[in-house]
N, C-alpha and C. Protein backbone atom coordinates (compact mmCIF):
# COMPACT_ATOMS: atom_id res chain seq x y z
N MET A 1 15.59 -159.96 -1.33
CA MET A 1 16.88 -159.30 -1.45
C MET A 1 17.96 -160.36 -1.37
N GLY A 2 19.17 -160.02 -1.74
CA GLY A 2 20.24 -160.99 -1.83
C GLY A 2 20.47 -161.78 -0.58
N ASN A 3 20.50 -161.13 0.58
CA ASN A 3 20.74 -161.82 1.83
C ASN A 3 19.70 -161.36 2.82
N ALA A 4 18.90 -162.30 3.30
CA ALA A 4 17.76 -161.93 4.12
C ALA A 4 18.17 -161.39 5.48
N ARG A 5 19.37 -161.73 5.93
CA ARG A 5 19.80 -161.29 7.25
C ARG A 5 20.32 -159.86 7.20
N SER A 6 20.05 -159.11 8.25
CA SER A 6 20.57 -157.75 8.35
C SER A 6 21.87 -157.76 9.13
N ALA A 7 22.77 -156.87 8.75
CA ALA A 7 24.06 -156.80 9.43
C ALA A 7 23.89 -156.23 10.84
N PRO A 8 24.64 -156.72 11.83
CA PRO A 8 24.59 -156.15 13.17
C PRO A 8 24.94 -154.67 13.14
N GLU A 9 24.49 -153.95 14.16
CA GLU A 9 24.69 -152.50 14.17
C GLU A 9 26.16 -152.10 14.21
N ASP A 10 27.04 -152.94 14.77
CA ASP A 10 28.44 -152.56 14.89
C ASP A 10 29.26 -152.94 13.67
N VAL A 11 28.62 -153.48 12.63
CA VAL A 11 29.33 -153.85 11.41
C VAL A 11 29.51 -152.61 10.54
N TYR A 12 30.70 -152.48 9.97
CA TYR A 12 30.97 -151.35 9.07
C TYR A 12 30.06 -151.43 7.85
N ARG A 13 29.41 -150.33 7.51
CA ARG A 13 28.54 -150.28 6.34
C ARG A 13 29.08 -149.27 5.33
N PRO A 14 29.04 -149.61 4.06
CA PRO A 14 29.54 -148.68 3.04
C PRO A 14 28.59 -147.50 2.84
N ASP A 15 29.13 -146.40 2.33
CA ASP A 15 28.31 -145.24 2.01
C ASP A 15 27.48 -145.51 0.76
N PRO A 16 26.38 -144.78 0.58
CA PRO A 16 25.61 -144.90 -0.67
C PRO A 16 26.51 -144.58 -1.87
N LEU A 17 26.18 -145.16 -3.01
CA LEU A 17 26.97 -144.94 -4.21
C LEU A 17 26.72 -143.54 -4.78
N THR A 18 27.77 -142.92 -5.26
CA THR A 18 27.62 -141.63 -5.94
C THR A 18 27.29 -141.86 -7.41
N ARG A 19 26.83 -140.82 -8.08
CA ARG A 19 26.54 -140.93 -9.51
C ARG A 19 27.80 -141.32 -10.28
N GLU A 20 28.94 -140.76 -9.89
CA GLU A 20 30.20 -141.08 -10.57
C GLU A 20 30.53 -142.57 -10.41
N GLN A 21 30.32 -143.10 -9.21
CA GLN A 21 30.60 -144.51 -8.99
C GLN A 21 29.65 -145.39 -9.81
N LEU A 22 28.38 -145.03 -9.84
CA LEU A 22 27.41 -145.80 -10.62
C LEU A 22 27.81 -145.85 -12.09
N GLU A 23 28.16 -144.72 -12.63
CA GLU A 23 28.53 -144.67 -14.05
C GLU A 23 29.78 -145.49 -14.31
N TYR A 24 30.72 -145.46 -13.38
CA TYR A 24 31.95 -146.25 -13.53
C TYR A 24 31.63 -147.75 -13.50
N PHE A 25 30.80 -148.18 -12.54
CA PHE A 25 30.47 -149.60 -12.42
C PHE A 25 29.67 -150.08 -13.63
N MET A 26 28.83 -149.22 -14.20
CA MET A 26 28.10 -149.61 -15.40
C MET A 26 29.06 -149.76 -16.59
N MET A 27 30.14 -149.00 -16.57
CA MET A 27 31.12 -149.06 -17.65
C MET A 27 31.97 -150.33 -17.58
N VAL A 28 32.31 -150.79 -16.36
CA VAL A 28 33.26 -151.90 -16.23
C VAL A 28 32.59 -153.25 -15.98
N THR A 29 31.25 -153.27 -15.86
CA THR A 29 30.52 -154.53 -15.70
C THR A 29 29.38 -154.58 -16.71
N PHE A 30 28.64 -155.69 -16.69
CA PHE A 30 27.48 -155.82 -17.57
C PHE A 30 26.18 -155.41 -16.87
N PHE A 31 26.27 -154.79 -15.71
CA PHE A 31 25.08 -154.44 -14.94
C PHE A 31 24.55 -153.05 -15.28
N ASP A 32 23.22 -152.89 -15.15
CA ASP A 32 22.64 -151.56 -15.28
C ASP A 32 22.53 -150.92 -13.89
N GLU A 33 22.05 -149.69 -13.85
CA GLU A 33 22.02 -148.95 -12.59
C GLU A 33 21.17 -149.64 -11.53
N ALA A 34 19.99 -150.13 -11.91
CA ALA A 34 19.11 -150.77 -10.95
C ALA A 34 19.75 -152.02 -10.35
N GLN A 35 20.42 -152.81 -11.19
CA GLN A 35 21.07 -154.02 -10.70
C GLN A 35 22.22 -153.69 -9.76
N ILE A 36 22.98 -152.64 -10.09
CA ILE A 36 24.09 -152.23 -9.23
C ILE A 36 23.58 -151.76 -7.87
N GLN A 37 22.51 -150.99 -7.87
CA GLN A 37 21.94 -150.53 -6.60
C GLN A 37 21.42 -151.71 -5.78
N TYR A 38 20.79 -152.65 -6.44
CA TYR A 38 20.29 -153.85 -5.76
C TYR A 38 21.44 -154.63 -5.13
N LEU A 39 22.51 -154.83 -5.90
CA LEU A 39 23.65 -155.59 -5.39
C LEU A 39 24.40 -154.82 -4.30
N HIS A 40 24.41 -153.50 -4.40
CA HIS A 40 25.05 -152.70 -3.35
C HIS A 40 24.29 -152.86 -2.04
N LYS A 41 22.97 -152.88 -2.09
CA LYS A 41 22.17 -153.09 -0.89
C LYS A 41 22.44 -154.48 -0.29
N ALA A 42 22.50 -155.50 -1.18
CA ALA A 42 22.80 -156.85 -0.72
C ALA A 42 24.17 -156.92 -0.07
N PHE A 43 25.16 -156.30 -0.71
CA PHE A 43 26.52 -156.27 -0.18
C PHE A 43 26.55 -155.59 1.18
N SER A 44 25.81 -154.51 1.31
CA SER A 44 25.79 -153.73 2.56
C SER A 44 25.18 -154.50 3.71
N GLU A 45 24.39 -155.53 3.40
CA GLU A 45 23.70 -156.29 4.44
C GLU A 45 24.44 -157.56 4.86
N PHE A 46 25.58 -157.84 4.23
CA PHE A 46 26.34 -159.02 4.65
C PHE A 46 26.77 -158.87 6.11
N ASP A 47 26.80 -159.98 6.81
CA ASP A 47 27.12 -159.97 8.24
C ASP A 47 28.59 -159.68 8.53
N GLU A 48 29.47 -160.08 7.61
CA GLU A 48 30.90 -160.07 7.93
C GLU A 48 31.65 -158.92 7.26
N LEU A 49 30.99 -157.79 7.10
CA LEU A 49 31.67 -156.64 6.50
C LEU A 49 32.74 -156.09 7.42
N ALA A 50 33.84 -155.65 6.82
CA ALA A 50 34.93 -155.06 7.59
C ALA A 50 35.51 -153.91 6.79
N GLU A 51 36.06 -152.92 7.48
CA GLU A 51 36.69 -151.79 6.80
C GLU A 51 38.16 -152.10 6.55
N VAL A 52 38.57 -151.96 5.30
CA VAL A 52 39.97 -152.14 4.91
C VAL A 52 40.34 -150.95 4.03
N ASN A 53 41.28 -150.15 4.50
CA ASN A 53 41.72 -148.96 3.75
C ASN A 53 40.55 -148.07 3.36
N GLY A 54 39.62 -147.91 4.28
CA GLY A 54 38.50 -147.00 4.05
C GLY A 54 37.38 -147.55 3.19
N GLN A 55 37.46 -148.83 2.80
CA GLN A 55 36.41 -149.44 1.99
C GLN A 55 35.83 -150.65 2.71
N ALA A 56 34.54 -150.88 2.50
CA ALA A 56 33.90 -152.08 3.05
C ALA A 56 34.35 -153.30 2.26
N HIS A 57 34.69 -154.36 2.98
CA HIS A 57 35.09 -155.63 2.36
C HIS A 57 34.26 -156.75 2.98
N ALA A 58 34.01 -157.78 2.17
CA ALA A 58 33.28 -158.95 2.65
C ALA A 58 33.99 -160.20 2.16
N PRO A 59 33.87 -161.32 2.86
CA PRO A 59 34.45 -162.58 2.36
C PRO A 59 33.85 -162.95 1.01
N LYS A 60 34.69 -163.41 0.10
CA LYS A 60 34.22 -163.78 -1.24
C LYS A 60 33.11 -164.81 -1.17
N LYS A 61 33.17 -165.71 -0.20
CA LYS A 61 32.17 -166.76 -0.08
C LYS A 61 30.76 -166.21 0.12
N ASN A 62 30.66 -164.96 0.57
CA ASN A 62 29.35 -164.37 0.78
C ASN A 62 28.59 -164.15 -0.52
N LEU A 63 29.29 -164.15 -1.65
CA LEU A 63 28.59 -163.99 -2.93
C LEU A 63 27.52 -165.05 -3.09
N LEU A 64 27.81 -166.25 -2.61
CA LEU A 64 26.87 -167.35 -2.81
C LEU A 64 25.71 -167.31 -1.82
N GLU A 65 25.69 -166.30 -0.93
CA GLU A 65 24.54 -166.12 -0.05
C GLU A 65 23.40 -165.40 -0.77
N LEU A 66 23.68 -164.82 -1.93
CA LEU A 66 22.63 -164.18 -2.70
C LEU A 66 21.57 -165.21 -3.07
N THR A 67 20.31 -164.86 -2.85
CA THR A 67 19.24 -165.83 -3.09
C THR A 67 19.18 -166.26 -4.55
N GLU A 68 19.68 -165.42 -5.47
CA GLU A 68 19.64 -165.76 -6.89
C GLU A 68 20.45 -167.00 -7.22
N PHE A 69 21.41 -167.35 -6.38
CA PHE A 69 22.21 -168.54 -6.64
C PHE A 69 21.47 -169.81 -6.24
N GLY A 70 20.43 -169.66 -5.43
CA GLY A 70 19.69 -170.84 -5.01
C GLY A 70 20.59 -171.85 -4.33
N GLN A 71 20.36 -173.13 -4.62
CA GLN A 71 21.15 -174.20 -4.01
C GLN A 71 21.86 -175.01 -5.09
N SER A 72 22.51 -174.33 -6.02
CA SER A 72 23.21 -175.03 -7.09
C SER A 72 24.22 -176.01 -6.51
N PRO A 73 24.23 -177.24 -6.99
CA PRO A 73 25.22 -178.21 -6.52
C PRO A 73 26.66 -177.83 -6.88
N LEU A 74 26.80 -176.88 -7.82
CA LEU A 74 28.13 -176.46 -8.26
C LEU A 74 28.59 -175.18 -7.58
N ARG A 75 27.94 -174.79 -6.49
CA ARG A 75 28.28 -173.55 -5.80
C ARG A 75 29.76 -173.49 -5.43
N ASP A 76 30.29 -174.56 -4.85
CA ASP A 76 31.69 -174.55 -4.41
C ASP A 76 32.63 -174.42 -5.61
N ARG A 77 32.28 -175.08 -6.70
CA ARG A 77 33.12 -174.99 -7.92
C ARG A 77 33.08 -173.57 -8.48
N ILE A 78 31.91 -172.97 -8.46
CA ILE A 78 31.77 -171.59 -8.94
C ILE A 78 32.67 -170.68 -8.11
N LEU A 79 32.64 -170.86 -6.80
CA LEU A 79 33.41 -169.99 -5.91
C LEU A 79 34.90 -170.12 -6.21
N GLU A 80 35.36 -171.33 -6.51
CA GLU A 80 36.77 -171.55 -6.85
C GLU A 80 37.19 -170.72 -8.05
N LEU A 81 36.28 -170.55 -9.00
CA LEU A 81 36.62 -169.94 -10.28
C LEU A 81 36.48 -168.42 -10.30
N LEU A 82 35.83 -167.85 -9.30
CA LEU A 82 35.67 -166.41 -9.28
C LEU A 82 37.01 -165.76 -8.99
N ASP A 83 37.43 -164.89 -9.91
CA ASP A 83 38.77 -164.30 -9.87
C ASP A 83 38.80 -163.11 -8.92
N ALA A 84 39.04 -163.40 -7.64
CA ALA A 84 39.07 -162.34 -6.63
C ALA A 84 39.74 -162.89 -5.38
N PRO A 85 40.29 -162.02 -4.54
CA PRO A 85 40.87 -162.48 -3.28
C PRO A 85 39.78 -162.97 -2.33
N ASP A 86 40.17 -163.55 -1.23
CA ASP A 86 39.19 -164.08 -0.27
C ASP A 86 38.34 -162.98 0.35
N LEU A 87 38.88 -161.76 0.41
CA LEU A 87 38.15 -160.62 0.95
C LEU A 87 37.99 -159.61 -0.17
N VAL A 88 36.73 -159.25 -0.52
CA VAL A 88 36.48 -158.41 -1.68
C VAL A 88 35.80 -157.10 -1.29
N ASN A 89 36.14 -156.04 -2.03
CA ASN A 89 35.39 -154.80 -1.89
C ASN A 89 34.22 -154.83 -2.88
N PHE A 90 33.43 -153.76 -2.93
CA PHE A 90 32.23 -153.81 -3.74
C PHE A 90 32.54 -153.93 -5.23
N GLU A 91 33.57 -153.24 -5.69
CA GLU A 91 33.92 -153.35 -7.11
C GLU A 91 34.30 -154.78 -7.46
N GLN A 92 35.10 -155.43 -6.64
CA GLN A 92 35.49 -156.82 -6.89
C GLN A 92 34.27 -157.74 -6.85
N PHE A 93 33.37 -157.46 -5.93
CA PHE A 93 32.11 -158.19 -5.81
C PHE A 93 31.32 -158.11 -7.12
N LEU A 94 31.19 -156.90 -7.65
CA LEU A 94 30.47 -156.71 -8.90
C LEU A 94 31.16 -157.41 -10.07
N ARG A 95 32.47 -157.28 -10.14
CA ARG A 95 33.20 -157.89 -11.25
C ARG A 95 33.06 -159.41 -11.23
N CYS A 96 33.06 -160.00 -10.03
CA CYS A 96 32.87 -161.44 -9.92
C CYS A 96 31.51 -161.87 -10.47
N LEU A 97 30.49 -161.08 -10.16
CA LEU A 97 29.13 -161.44 -10.54
C LEU A 97 28.78 -161.06 -11.97
N SER A 98 29.61 -160.24 -12.61
CA SER A 98 29.26 -159.68 -13.91
C SER A 98 29.01 -160.75 -14.97
N ILE A 99 29.69 -161.88 -14.88
CA ILE A 99 29.52 -162.95 -15.86
C ILE A 99 28.10 -163.50 -15.83
N PHE A 100 27.41 -163.34 -14.69
CA PHE A 100 26.05 -163.86 -14.55
C PHE A 100 24.98 -162.85 -14.98
N ALA A 101 25.39 -161.66 -15.37
CA ALA A 101 24.43 -160.66 -15.84
C ALA A 101 23.81 -161.12 -17.15
N PRO A 102 22.52 -160.90 -17.34
CA PRO A 102 21.87 -161.33 -18.60
C PRO A 102 22.52 -160.75 -19.85
N THR A 103 23.16 -159.59 -19.73
CA THR A 103 23.76 -158.95 -20.90
C THR A 103 25.20 -159.37 -21.15
N ALA A 104 25.77 -160.21 -20.30
CA ALA A 104 27.11 -160.74 -20.58
C ALA A 104 27.04 -161.57 -21.86
N SER A 105 28.11 -161.57 -22.64
CA SER A 105 28.07 -162.20 -23.95
C SER A 105 27.94 -163.72 -23.85
N LYS A 106 27.39 -164.30 -24.91
CA LYS A 106 27.24 -165.75 -24.98
C LYS A 106 28.59 -166.44 -24.87
N GLU A 107 29.60 -165.91 -25.57
CA GLU A 107 30.91 -166.55 -25.52
C GLU A 107 31.52 -166.48 -24.13
N ASP A 108 31.36 -165.35 -23.43
CA ASP A 108 31.87 -165.24 -22.07
C ASP A 108 31.22 -166.30 -21.17
N LYS A 109 29.92 -166.49 -21.34
CA LYS A 109 29.21 -167.49 -20.53
C LYS A 109 29.67 -168.91 -20.90
N GLN A 110 29.89 -169.13 -22.20
CA GLN A 110 30.40 -170.44 -22.63
C GLN A 110 31.77 -170.72 -22.01
N ARG A 111 32.64 -169.71 -22.02
CA ARG A 111 33.98 -169.90 -21.47
C ARG A 111 33.92 -170.18 -19.97
N PHE A 112 33.04 -169.50 -19.27
CA PHE A 112 32.93 -169.74 -17.83
C PHE A 112 32.40 -171.16 -17.58
N THR A 113 31.38 -171.56 -18.34
CA THR A 113 30.83 -172.91 -18.19
C THR A 113 31.89 -173.96 -18.50
N PHE A 114 32.70 -173.70 -19.53
CA PHE A 114 33.79 -174.61 -19.87
C PHE A 114 34.74 -174.77 -18.68
N ARG A 115 35.08 -173.67 -18.04
CA ARG A 115 35.99 -173.72 -16.89
C ARG A 115 35.38 -174.50 -15.73
N VAL A 116 34.06 -174.40 -15.58
CA VAL A 116 33.38 -175.17 -14.52
C VAL A 116 33.60 -176.66 -14.73
N TRP A 117 33.52 -177.10 -15.97
CA TRP A 117 33.67 -178.52 -16.28
C TRP A 117 35.13 -178.97 -16.32
N ASP A 118 36.04 -178.07 -16.59
CA ASP A 118 37.47 -178.42 -16.71
C ASP A 118 38.11 -178.43 -15.32
N HIS A 119 37.89 -179.51 -14.59
CA HIS A 119 38.29 -179.54 -13.18
C HIS A 119 39.79 -179.53 -12.97
N ASP A 120 40.56 -180.09 -13.89
CA ASP A 120 42.01 -180.08 -13.70
C ASP A 120 42.67 -178.87 -14.36
N ASN A 121 41.86 -178.00 -14.92
CA ASN A 121 42.35 -176.71 -15.47
C ASN A 121 43.45 -176.88 -16.51
N ASP A 122 43.31 -177.92 -17.35
CA ASP A 122 44.33 -178.13 -18.38
C ASP A 122 43.90 -177.61 -19.74
N GLY A 123 42.75 -176.94 -19.81
CA GLY A 123 42.28 -176.39 -21.07
C GLY A 123 41.48 -177.36 -21.91
N PHE A 124 41.20 -178.55 -21.38
CA PHE A 124 40.39 -179.55 -22.07
C PHE A 124 39.45 -180.20 -21.07
N ILE A 125 38.30 -180.67 -21.57
CA ILE A 125 37.37 -181.43 -20.72
C ILE A 125 37.53 -182.90 -21.06
N SER A 126 38.06 -183.64 -20.12
CA SER A 126 38.30 -185.06 -20.31
C SER A 126 37.13 -185.87 -19.76
N GLY A 127 37.20 -187.18 -19.95
CA GLY A 127 36.19 -188.06 -19.38
C GLY A 127 36.13 -187.93 -17.86
N ASP A 128 37.29 -187.82 -17.23
CA ASP A 128 37.33 -187.67 -15.78
C ASP A 128 36.67 -186.36 -15.35
N ASP A 129 36.92 -185.27 -16.11
CA ASP A 129 36.27 -184.00 -15.81
C ASP A 129 34.75 -184.13 -15.89
N MET A 130 34.28 -184.78 -16.95
CA MET A 130 32.84 -184.95 -17.13
C MET A 130 32.24 -185.76 -15.98
N MET A 131 32.92 -186.84 -15.60
CA MET A 131 32.41 -187.69 -14.54
C MET A 131 32.37 -186.94 -13.22
N THR A 132 33.40 -186.14 -12.94
CA THR A 132 33.43 -185.36 -11.70
C THR A 132 32.26 -184.40 -11.66
N THR A 133 32.01 -183.72 -12.78
CA THR A 133 30.91 -182.75 -12.81
C THR A 133 29.56 -183.45 -12.68
N LEU A 134 29.38 -184.56 -13.36
CA LEU A 134 28.13 -185.30 -13.26
C LEU A 134 27.90 -185.80 -11.84
N ASP A 135 28.96 -186.25 -11.18
CA ASP A 135 28.83 -186.71 -9.80
C ASP A 135 28.30 -185.59 -8.91
N VAL A 136 28.80 -184.36 -9.14
CA VAL A 136 28.36 -183.22 -8.33
C VAL A 136 26.92 -182.85 -8.67
N ILE A 137 26.60 -182.84 -9.97
CA ILE A 137 25.28 -182.36 -10.40
C ILE A 137 24.17 -183.33 -10.06
N VAL A 138 24.36 -184.60 -10.41
CA VAL A 138 23.27 -185.55 -10.25
C VAL A 138 23.42 -186.45 -9.04
N GLY A 139 24.63 -186.52 -8.46
CA GLY A 139 24.82 -187.35 -7.28
C GLY A 139 24.36 -188.77 -7.54
N GLY A 140 23.42 -189.21 -6.70
CA GLY A 140 22.87 -190.56 -6.86
C GLY A 140 21.70 -190.62 -7.80
N GLY A 141 21.44 -189.53 -8.52
CA GLY A 141 20.30 -189.50 -9.44
C GLY A 141 20.48 -190.39 -10.64
N LEU A 142 21.73 -190.76 -10.93
CA LEU A 142 22.02 -191.69 -12.01
C LEU A 142 22.93 -192.78 -11.47
N GLU A 143 22.71 -193.98 -11.96
CA GLU A 143 23.60 -195.08 -11.60
C GLU A 143 24.96 -194.86 -12.25
N ALA A 144 25.98 -195.48 -11.69
CA ALA A 144 27.34 -195.30 -12.21
C ALA A 144 27.42 -195.68 -13.68
N ASP A 145 26.75 -196.78 -14.07
CA ASP A 145 26.84 -197.19 -15.47
C ASP A 145 26.11 -196.22 -16.40
N GLU A 146 25.07 -195.55 -15.89
CA GLU A 146 24.38 -194.54 -16.69
C GLU A 146 25.27 -193.33 -16.92
N LYS A 147 25.98 -192.89 -15.88
CA LYS A 147 26.90 -191.76 -16.04
C LYS A 147 28.04 -192.12 -16.99
N GLU A 148 28.54 -193.34 -16.87
CA GLU A 148 29.61 -193.79 -17.77
C GLU A 148 29.13 -193.80 -19.22
N HIS A 149 27.87 -194.20 -19.42
CA HIS A 149 27.32 -194.23 -20.78
C HIS A 149 27.25 -192.83 -21.36
N VAL A 150 26.81 -191.84 -20.57
CA VAL A 150 26.74 -190.45 -21.03
C VAL A 150 28.13 -189.96 -21.41
N VAL A 151 29.10 -190.19 -20.52
CA VAL A 151 30.46 -189.71 -20.75
C VAL A 151 31.08 -190.40 -21.96
N ASN A 152 30.94 -191.71 -22.04
CA ASN A 152 31.54 -192.46 -23.15
C ASN A 152 30.93 -192.06 -24.49
N SER A 153 29.65 -191.73 -24.49
CA SER A 153 29.00 -191.31 -25.74
C SER A 153 29.62 -190.01 -26.25
N ILE A 154 29.85 -189.08 -25.34
CA ILE A 154 30.45 -187.79 -25.73
C ILE A 154 31.89 -188.00 -26.21
N ILE A 155 32.64 -188.83 -25.47
CA ILE A 155 34.03 -189.08 -25.84
C ILE A 155 34.12 -189.72 -27.23
N GLU A 156 33.26 -190.69 -27.49
CA GLU A 156 33.31 -191.37 -28.79
C GLU A 156 33.02 -190.41 -29.94
N GLU A 157 32.13 -189.45 -29.71
CA GLU A 157 31.82 -188.48 -30.75
C GLU A 157 33.03 -187.59 -31.05
N GLN A 158 33.87 -187.38 -30.06
CA GLN A 158 35.02 -186.48 -30.22
C GLN A 158 36.30 -187.20 -30.64
N ARG A 159 36.32 -188.53 -30.51
CA ARG A 159 37.54 -189.28 -30.75
C ARG A 159 37.93 -189.26 -32.24
N THR A 160 39.19 -188.89 -32.50
CA THR A 160 39.74 -188.87 -33.86
C THR A 160 41.19 -189.34 -33.76
N PRO A 161 41.83 -189.58 -34.91
CA PRO A 161 43.25 -189.98 -34.85
C PRO A 161 44.13 -188.95 -34.13
N ILE A 162 43.80 -187.67 -34.24
CA ILE A 162 44.61 -186.66 -33.55
C ILE A 162 44.06 -186.33 -32.16
N ASN A 163 42.94 -186.94 -31.80
CA ASN A 163 42.35 -186.75 -30.48
C ASN A 163 41.87 -188.11 -29.97
N PRO A 164 42.81 -189.05 -29.76
CA PRO A 164 42.42 -190.42 -29.41
C PRO A 164 41.68 -190.53 -28.07
N ASP A 165 41.89 -189.55 -27.18
CA ASP A 165 41.22 -189.62 -25.88
C ASP A 165 39.83 -189.00 -25.90
N GLY A 166 39.48 -188.35 -27.01
CA GLY A 166 38.14 -187.77 -27.11
C GLY A 166 37.89 -186.61 -26.18
N VAL A 167 38.94 -185.87 -25.82
CA VAL A 167 38.75 -184.72 -24.93
C VAL A 167 38.12 -183.57 -25.70
N LEU A 168 37.45 -182.67 -24.97
CA LEU A 168 36.81 -181.53 -25.60
C LEU A 168 37.65 -180.28 -25.42
N SER A 169 38.01 -179.66 -26.53
CA SER A 169 38.59 -178.33 -26.48
C SER A 169 37.45 -177.34 -26.27
N PHE A 170 37.78 -176.07 -26.06
CA PHE A 170 36.72 -175.07 -25.91
C PHE A 170 35.90 -174.98 -27.19
N GLU A 171 36.55 -175.04 -28.34
CA GLU A 171 35.84 -174.94 -29.61
C GLU A 171 34.87 -176.11 -29.78
N ALA A 172 35.28 -177.32 -29.39
CA ALA A 172 34.39 -178.48 -29.47
C ALA A 172 33.25 -178.35 -28.47
N PHE A 173 33.56 -177.83 -27.30
CA PHE A 173 32.56 -177.62 -26.26
C PHE A 173 31.47 -176.66 -26.75
N GLN A 174 31.88 -175.61 -27.47
CA GLN A 174 30.91 -174.65 -28.01
C GLN A 174 29.91 -175.33 -28.94
N LYS A 175 30.34 -176.37 -29.64
CA LYS A 175 29.47 -177.04 -30.59
C LYS A 175 28.48 -177.98 -29.91
N VAL A 176 28.87 -178.53 -28.76
CA VAL A 176 27.99 -179.52 -28.11
C VAL A 176 27.15 -178.94 -26.98
N ILE A 177 27.54 -177.78 -26.46
CA ILE A 177 26.80 -177.23 -25.33
C ILE A 177 25.44 -176.73 -25.79
N ASN A 178 24.46 -176.97 -24.97
CA ASN A 178 23.09 -176.55 -25.26
C ASN A 178 22.97 -175.04 -25.06
N ASP A 179 22.43 -174.34 -26.05
CA ASP A 179 22.27 -172.89 -25.94
C ASP A 179 21.41 -172.51 -24.74
N ASP A 180 20.45 -173.36 -24.41
CA ASP A 180 19.59 -173.07 -23.27
C ASP A 180 20.39 -173.06 -21.98
N LEU A 181 21.41 -173.91 -21.90
CA LEU A 181 22.27 -173.93 -20.73
C LEU A 181 23.00 -172.61 -20.58
N VAL A 182 23.48 -172.06 -21.68
CA VAL A 182 24.20 -170.79 -21.65
C VAL A 182 23.25 -169.66 -21.25
N ARG A 183 22.05 -169.66 -21.86
CA ARG A 183 21.08 -168.62 -21.51
C ARG A 183 20.74 -168.66 -20.03
N LYS A 184 20.71 -169.84 -19.46
CA LYS A 184 20.35 -169.97 -18.05
C LYS A 184 21.49 -169.57 -17.11
N LEU A 185 22.67 -169.33 -17.67
CA LEU A 185 23.77 -168.83 -16.85
C LEU A 185 23.58 -167.32 -16.68
N SER A 186 22.36 -166.95 -16.32
CA SER A 186 22.01 -165.55 -16.10
C SER A 186 21.16 -165.47 -14.84
N LEU A 187 21.58 -164.62 -13.93
CA LEU A 187 20.81 -164.41 -12.71
C LEU A 187 20.10 -163.07 -12.82
N GLN A 188 18.80 -163.09 -12.63
CA GLN A 188 18.00 -161.88 -12.77
C GLN A 188 18.01 -161.12 -11.45
N PHE A 189 19.10 -160.42 -11.18
CA PHE A 189 19.26 -159.74 -9.90
C PHE A 189 18.17 -158.68 -9.72
N GLY A 190 17.49 -158.76 -8.58
CA GLY A 190 16.47 -157.77 -8.26
C GLY A 190 15.11 -158.09 -8.82
N LYS A 191 14.95 -159.22 -9.52
CA LYS A 191 13.67 -159.60 -10.07
C LYS A 191 13.19 -160.88 -9.40
N ARG A 192 11.91 -161.12 -9.44
CA ARG A 192 11.32 -162.27 -8.75
C ARG A 192 11.76 -163.58 -9.39
N GLN A 193 11.90 -163.59 -10.72
CA GLN A 193 12.27 -164.81 -11.40
C GLN A 193 13.76 -164.83 -11.65
N SER A 194 14.41 -165.90 -11.25
CA SER A 194 15.84 -166.03 -11.51
C SER A 194 16.13 -167.42 -12.05
N TYR A 195 17.28 -167.54 -12.68
CA TYR A 195 17.67 -168.81 -13.31
C TYR A 195 19.05 -169.19 -12.83
N TRP A 196 19.25 -170.47 -12.69
CA TRP A 196 20.60 -170.94 -12.42
C TRP A 196 20.89 -172.09 -13.38
N GLY A 197 21.76 -171.86 -14.33
CA GLY A 197 21.88 -172.76 -15.47
C GLY A 197 22.87 -173.88 -15.36
N LEU A 198 23.45 -174.11 -14.18
CA LEU A 198 24.47 -175.15 -14.10
C LEU A 198 23.94 -176.40 -13.37
N LYS A 199 22.64 -176.58 -13.38
CA LYS A 199 22.08 -177.78 -12.77
C LYS A 199 21.99 -178.92 -13.78
N LEU A 200 21.79 -178.58 -15.07
CA LEU A 200 21.61 -179.56 -16.14
C LEU A 200 20.35 -180.38 -15.94
């Protein structure tokens, strides 16, 4: 299950989902009924649940306690990009995770992956962005000159008179990103096999 720990008895727990709620959540996310029920159980077991305006809320950081996320080196970067307040209710929790559903579109996954690499949030992936991401992903797994070689190779392929710095726009990123990487940006919630595609 998402979080192996059980919530203490004095922690506020949400009510079971109604049929109306299930149908609404299936309409506004990429999840099916079984996945929503699975995630609702995981959400209900978080240790830090609190009642706010009659709804259960949990810290956004608890999303990464789900076992499906594993130990991705980009966990902190992912958390930065999830569009939600620090304290989320179940709907916000689902909406944050929806991009990782297997049925989320390829382009949506590409855009999210692009944002992961675009560390300065300027709409382009520069050499510095690439180096920062590689440092997080591979750490000491590559020597500095090896990482520079990877980054410089990509920059040189993109360099043109109108793009002298060789930065990647989203459209250029779509052309160079490996389709397998995008497919792996899918977490199989509630199933034994799961994938985390941002390890490279």
